[in-house]
Amino acid sequence: MISLEDCVALSGLTEEQVLAIAEHEHLPEIAATAFAQYLLKREHGMEKIRDMIVDDIRQAQQRQDKTHILTLLHVLHHFLKSHPEVCPPQHPWSELY
């Protein structure tokens, strides 16, 4: 049987990035791995993933959940480091931190 770790490895993203997609889309983690793989093959899919992570950060900021904000900023940092082509010139989501 294929495990969640196997699906994450096949998705092309890290587990934390997949979890951010799952959070944003209100999907089970296993479904988020399939959605991640789908997005990575689509035109502008990486931008969509970046925007999902940014939206999750904004939601955490509204809840004032500093721990989750910092976790998501870390996830975003690693995503942008792995995919510099979708890195915006400014980082407005981290103005508070």
N, C-alpha and C. Protein backbone atom coordinates (compact mmCIF):
# COMPACT_ATOMS: atom_id res chain seq x y z
N MET A 1 0.84 -1.17 0.00
CA MET A 1 0.00 0.00 0.00
C MET A 1 0.88 1.24 0.00
N ILE A 2 0.49 2.24 -0.76
CA ILE A 2 1.26 3.48 -0.85
C ILE A 2 0.94 4.36 0.37
N SER A 3 1.98 4.94 0.94
CA SER A 3 1.81 5.75 2.15
C SER A 3 1.75 7.23 1.80
N LEU A 4 1.39 8.04 2.79
CA LEU A 4 1.38 9.49 2.61
C LEU A 4 2.77 9.99 2.24
N GLU A 5 3.79 9.43 2.87
CA GLU A 5 5.17 9.85 2.57
C GLU A 5 5.52 9.56 1.11
N ASP A 6 5.05 8.41 0.60
CA ASP A 6 5.27 8.08 -0.80
C ASP A 6 4.59 9.09 -1.71
N CYS A 7 3.36 9.44 -1.37
CA CYS A 7 2.60 10.40 -2.19
C CYS A 7 3.25 11.78 -2.17
N VAL A 8 3.73 12.18 -1.00
CA VAL A 8 4.43 13.47 -0.89
C VAL A 8 5.67 13.46 -1.76
N ALA A 9 6.42 12.38 -1.71
CA ALA A 9 7.64 12.27 -2.53
C ALA A 9 7.31 12.34 -4.01
N LEU A 10 6.20 11.78 -4.42
CA LEU A 10 5.79 11.82 -5.82
C LEU A 10 5.22 13.17 -6.23
N SER A 11 4.78 13.96 -5.26
CA SER A 11 4.11 15.23 -5.58
C SER A 11 5.07 16.28 -6.12
N GLY A 12 6.33 16.20 -5.75
CA GLY A 12 7.29 17.20 -6.18
C GLY A 12 7.45 18.34 -5.20
N LEU A 13 6.77 18.27 -4.07
CA LEU A 13 6.87 19.30 -3.03
C LEU A 13 7.28 18.65 -1.72
N THR A 14 7.57 19.49 -0.74
CA THR A 14 7.86 18.97 0.59
C THR A 14 6.56 18.68 1.32
N GLU A 15 6.66 17.94 2.39
CA GLU A 15 5.47 17.63 3.19
C GLU A 15 4.82 18.91 3.71
N GLU A 16 5.63 19.86 4.16
CA GLU A 16 5.09 21.11 4.69
C GLU A 16 4.35 21.91 3.62
N GLN A 17 4.86 21.89 2.40
CA GLN A 17 4.20 22.59 1.31
C GLN A 17 2.88 21.92 0.97
N VAL A 18 2.86 20.61 0.97
CA VAL A 18 1.62 19.86 0.73
C VAL A 18 0.62 20.15 1.84
N LEU A 19 1.08 20.22 3.08
CA LEU A 19 0.18 20.52 4.19
C LEU A 19 -0.41 21.92 4.07
N ALA A 20 0.36 22.87 3.55
CA ALA A 20 -0.16 24.22 3.33
C ALA A 20 -1.26 24.20 2.27
N ILE A 21 -1.08 23.40 1.23
CA ILE A 21 -2.12 23.26 0.20
C ILE A 21 -3.36 22.61 0.81
N ALA A 22 -3.16 21.58 1.61
CA ALA A 22 -4.28 20.91 2.26
C ALA A 22 -5.05 21.88 3.15
N GLU A 23 -4.32 22.71 3.88
CA GLU A 23 -4.95 23.71 4.74
C GLU A 23 -5.76 24.71 3.91
N HIS A 24 -5.15 25.20 2.87
CA HIS A 24 -5.80 26.22 2.04
C HIS A 24 -7.04 25.68 1.34
N GLU A 25 -6.94 24.50 0.80
CA GLU A 25 -8.02 23.92 0.00
C GLU A 25 -8.97 23.05 0.82
N HIS A 26 -8.70 22.92 2.12
CA HIS A 26 -9.54 22.09 3.00
C HIS A 26 -9.65 20.66 2.46
N LEU A 27 -8.49 20.12 2.11
CA LEU A 27 -8.40 18.77 1.55
C LEU A 27 -7.69 17.84 2.52
N PRO A 28 -8.00 16.57 2.45
CA PRO A 28 -7.16 15.61 3.18
C PRO A 28 -5.74 15.65 2.61
N GLU A 29 -4.78 15.34 3.44
CA GLU A 29 -3.38 15.43 3.02
C GLU A 29 -3.09 14.61 1.77
N ILE A 30 -3.64 13.43 1.68
CA ILE A 30 -3.37 12.57 0.53
C ILE A 30 -3.92 13.19 -0.75
N ALA A 31 -5.09 13.83 -0.67
CA ALA A 31 -5.67 14.50 -1.84
C ALA A 31 -4.83 15.73 -2.21
N ALA A 32 -4.29 16.40 -1.21
CA ALA A 32 -3.45 17.57 -1.47
C ALA A 32 -2.18 17.19 -2.23
N THR A 33 -1.66 15.99 -2.01
CA THR A 33 -0.47 15.57 -2.76
C THR A 33 -0.80 15.43 -4.24
N ALA A 34 -1.96 14.88 -4.55
CA ALA A 34 -2.38 14.74 -5.95
C ALA A 34 -2.62 16.11 -6.57
N PHE A 35 -3.25 17.00 -5.81
CA PHE A 35 -3.52 18.34 -6.30
C PHE A 35 -2.20 19.09 -6.54
N ALA A 36 -1.24 18.91 -5.66
CA ALA A 36 0.07 19.55 -5.82
C ALA A 36 0.75 19.09 -7.10
N GLN A 37 0.71 17.78 -7.32
CA GLN A 37 1.33 17.23 -8.53
C GLN A 37 0.63 17.78 -9.77
N TYR A 38 -0.68 17.88 -9.73
CA TYR A 38 -1.45 18.44 -10.84
C TYR A 38 -1.04 19.89 -11.08
N LEU A 39 -0.97 20.69 -10.02
CA LEU A 39 -0.64 22.12 -10.17
C LEU A 39 0.77 22.31 -10.73
N LEU A 40 1.70 21.49 -10.30
CA LEU A 40 3.07 21.64 -10.78
C LEU A 40 3.19 21.39 -12.27
N LYS A 41 2.23 20.69 -12.85
CA LYS A 41 2.27 20.41 -14.29
C LYS A 41 1.48 21.44 -15.10
N ARG A 42 0.77 22.31 -14.41
CA ARG A 42 -0.07 23.31 -15.09
C ARG A 42 0.69 24.62 -15.27
N GLU A 43 0.34 25.34 -16.33
CA GLU A 43 0.89 26.67 -16.50
C GLU A 43 0.42 27.54 -15.34
N HIS A 44 1.31 28.26 -14.74
CA HIS A 44 1.05 29.13 -13.59
C HIS A 44 0.69 28.35 -12.33
N GLY A 45 0.92 27.04 -12.33
CA GLY A 45 0.61 26.23 -11.15
C GLY A 45 1.47 26.58 -9.96
N MET A 46 2.75 26.86 -10.20
CA MET A 46 3.63 27.21 -9.08
C MET A 46 3.23 28.54 -8.46
N GLU A 47 2.77 29.47 -9.30
CA GLU A 47 2.28 30.73 -8.76
C GLU A 47 1.04 30.50 -7.90
N LYS A 48 0.20 29.57 -8.32
CA LYS A 48 -1.00 29.23 -7.55
C LYS A 48 -0.61 28.66 -6.19
N ILE A 49 0.38 27.78 -6.17
CA ILE A 49 0.84 27.21 -4.91
C ILE A 49 1.41 28.31 -4.02
N ARG A 50 2.24 29.18 -4.59
CA ARG A 50 2.79 30.31 -3.83
C ARG A 50 1.67 31.13 -3.22
N ASP A 51 0.65 31.43 -4.02
CA ASP A 51 -0.46 32.25 -3.54
C ASP A 51 -1.26 31.55 -2.45
N MET A 52 -1.37 30.23 -2.53
CA MET A 52 -2.07 29.49 -1.47
C MET A 52 -1.32 29.62 -0.15
N ILE A 53 0.00 29.49 -0.21
CA ILE A 53 0.80 29.62 1.01
C ILE A 53 0.67 31.03 1.57
N VAL A 54 0.71 32.03 0.70
CA VAL A 54 0.55 33.42 1.13
C VAL A 54 -0.82 33.62 1.76
N ASP A 55 -1.86 33.07 1.16
CA ASP A 55 -3.20 33.17 1.73
C ASP A 55 -3.25 32.52 3.12
N ASP A 56 -2.60 31.37 3.26
CA ASP A 56 -2.55 30.72 4.58
C ASP A 56 -1.87 31.62 5.60
N ILE A 57 -0.80 32.30 5.18
CA ILE A 57 -0.09 33.23 6.08
C ILE A 57 -1.02 34.35 6.49
N ARG A 58 -1.74 34.91 5.55
CA ARG A 58 -2.67 36.01 5.86
C ARG A 58 -3.77 35.56 6.81
N GLN A 59 -4.27 34.35 6.61
CA GLN A 59 -5.30 33.81 7.52
C GLN A 59 -4.73 33.65 8.93
N ALA A 60 -3.51 33.16 9.02
CA ALA A 60 -2.86 33.00 10.33
C ALA A 60 -2.62 34.37 10.97
N GLN A 61 -2.29 35.38 10.15
CA GLN A 61 -2.10 36.73 10.68
C GLN A 61 -3.42 37.28 11.24
N GLN A 62 -4.51 37.02 10.56
CA GLN A 62 -5.82 37.47 11.05
C GLN A 62 -6.16 36.81 12.39
N ARG A 63 -5.76 35.56 12.55
CA ARG A 63 -6.01 34.84 13.81
C ARG A 63 -4.95 35.18 14.87
N GLN A 64 -3.93 35.91 14.45
CA GLN A 64 -2.79 36.27 15.31
C GLN A 64 -2.10 35.02 15.86
N ASP A 65 -1.98 34.02 15.02
CA ASP A 65 -1.33 32.76 15.37
C ASP A 65 0.14 32.85 14.95
N LYS A 66 0.95 33.44 15.80
CA LYS A 66 2.34 33.72 15.46
C LYS A 66 3.15 32.47 15.15
N THR A 67 2.90 31.42 15.87
CA THR A 67 3.64 30.18 15.62
C THR A 67 3.36 29.66 14.22
N HIS A 68 2.10 29.66 13.85
CA HIS A 68 1.73 29.16 12.51
C HIS A 68 2.23 30.12 11.43
N ILE A 69 2.19 31.41 11.70
CA ILE A 69 2.71 32.39 10.74
C ILE A 69 4.18 32.10 10.45
N LEU A 70 4.95 31.92 11.49
CA LEU A 70 6.38 31.66 11.30
C LEU A 70 6.63 30.34 10.58
N THR A 71 5.83 29.34 10.88
CA THR A 71 5.95 28.05 10.19
C THR A 71 5.67 28.23 8.70
N LEU A 72 4.59 28.93 8.39
CA LEU A 72 4.22 29.15 6.99
C LEU A 72 5.22 30.04 6.25
N LEU A 73 5.78 31.02 6.94
CA LEU A 73 6.83 31.84 6.32
C LEU A 73 8.03 30.98 5.97
N HIS A 74 8.35 30.05 6.84
CA HIS A 74 9.44 29.10 6.57
C HIS A 74 9.11 28.24 5.35
N VAL A 75 7.87 27.76 5.28
CA VAL A 75 7.43 26.95 4.13
C VAL A 75 7.53 27.77 2.85
N LEU A 76 7.06 29.01 2.91
CA LEU A 76 7.12 29.89 1.74
C LEU A 76 8.56 30.16 1.33
N HIS A 77 9.40 30.42 2.29
CA HIS A 77 10.82 30.67 1.99
C HIS A 77 11.44 29.50 1.23
N HIS A 78 11.19 28.30 1.70
CA HIS A 78 11.76 27.13 1.05
C HIS A 78 11.13 26.88 -0.33
N PHE A 79 9.84 27.17 -0.45
CA PHE A 79 9.20 27.03 -1.75
C PHE A 79 9.82 28.00 -2.75
N LEU A 80 9.99 29.26 -2.34
CA LEU A 80 10.56 30.26 -3.25
C LEU A 80 12.03 29.99 -3.54
N LYS A 81 12.72 29.43 -2.58
CA LYS A 81 14.12 29.07 -2.81
C LYS A 81 14.22 27.95 -3.85
N SER A 82 13.27 27.02 -3.81
CA SER A 82 13.25 25.92 -4.76
C SER A 82 12.70 26.33 -6.12
N HIS A 83 11.89 27.38 -6.14
CA HIS A 83 11.24 27.84 -7.37
C HIS A 83 11.41 29.36 -7.50
N PRO A 84 12.64 29.82 -7.71
CA PRO A 84 12.89 31.27 -7.74
C PRO A 84 12.15 32.00 -8.87
N GLU A 85 11.72 31.27 -9.88
CA GLU A 85 11.01 31.90 -10.99
C GLU A 85 9.66 32.48 -10.58
N VAL A 86 9.12 32.07 -9.43
CA VAL A 86 7.84 32.60 -8.97
C VAL A 86 8.01 33.54 -7.78
N CYS A 87 9.25 33.92 -7.51
CA CYS A 87 9.53 34.82 -6.39
C CYS A 87 9.19 36.26 -6.80
N PRO A 88 8.26 36.88 -6.07
CA PRO A 88 7.91 38.27 -6.41
C PRO A 88 9.02 39.23 -5.97
N PRO A 89 9.07 40.41 -6.55
CA PRO A 89 10.13 41.36 -6.19
C PRO A 89 10.02 41.85 -4.75
N GLN A 90 8.80 41.89 -4.20
CA GLN A 90 8.61 42.29 -2.81
C GLN A 90 7.88 41.18 -2.07
N HIS A 91 8.04 41.16 -0.76
CA HIS A 91 7.43 40.13 0.07
C HIS A 91 6.46 40.80 1.06
N PRO A 92 5.29 41.23 0.61
CA PRO A 92 4.38 41.97 1.48
C PRO A 92 3.80 41.14 2.62
N TRP A 93 3.85 39.80 2.52
CA TRP A 93 3.25 38.96 3.55
C TRP A 93 4.08 38.90 4.82
N SER A 94 5.32 39.35 4.77
CA SER A 94 6.17 39.23 5.96
C SER A 94 6.48 40.60 6.58
N GLU A 95 5.68 41.61 6.29
CA GLU A 95 5.94 42.94 6.82
C GLU A 95 5.92 42.98 8.34
N LEU A 96 5.12 42.15 8.97
CA LEU A 96 5.01 42.18 10.42
C LEU A 96 6.10 41.38 11.11
N TYR A 97 6.82 40.52 10.36
CA TYR A 97 7.77 39.61 10.99
C TYR A 97 9.13 39.72 10.36
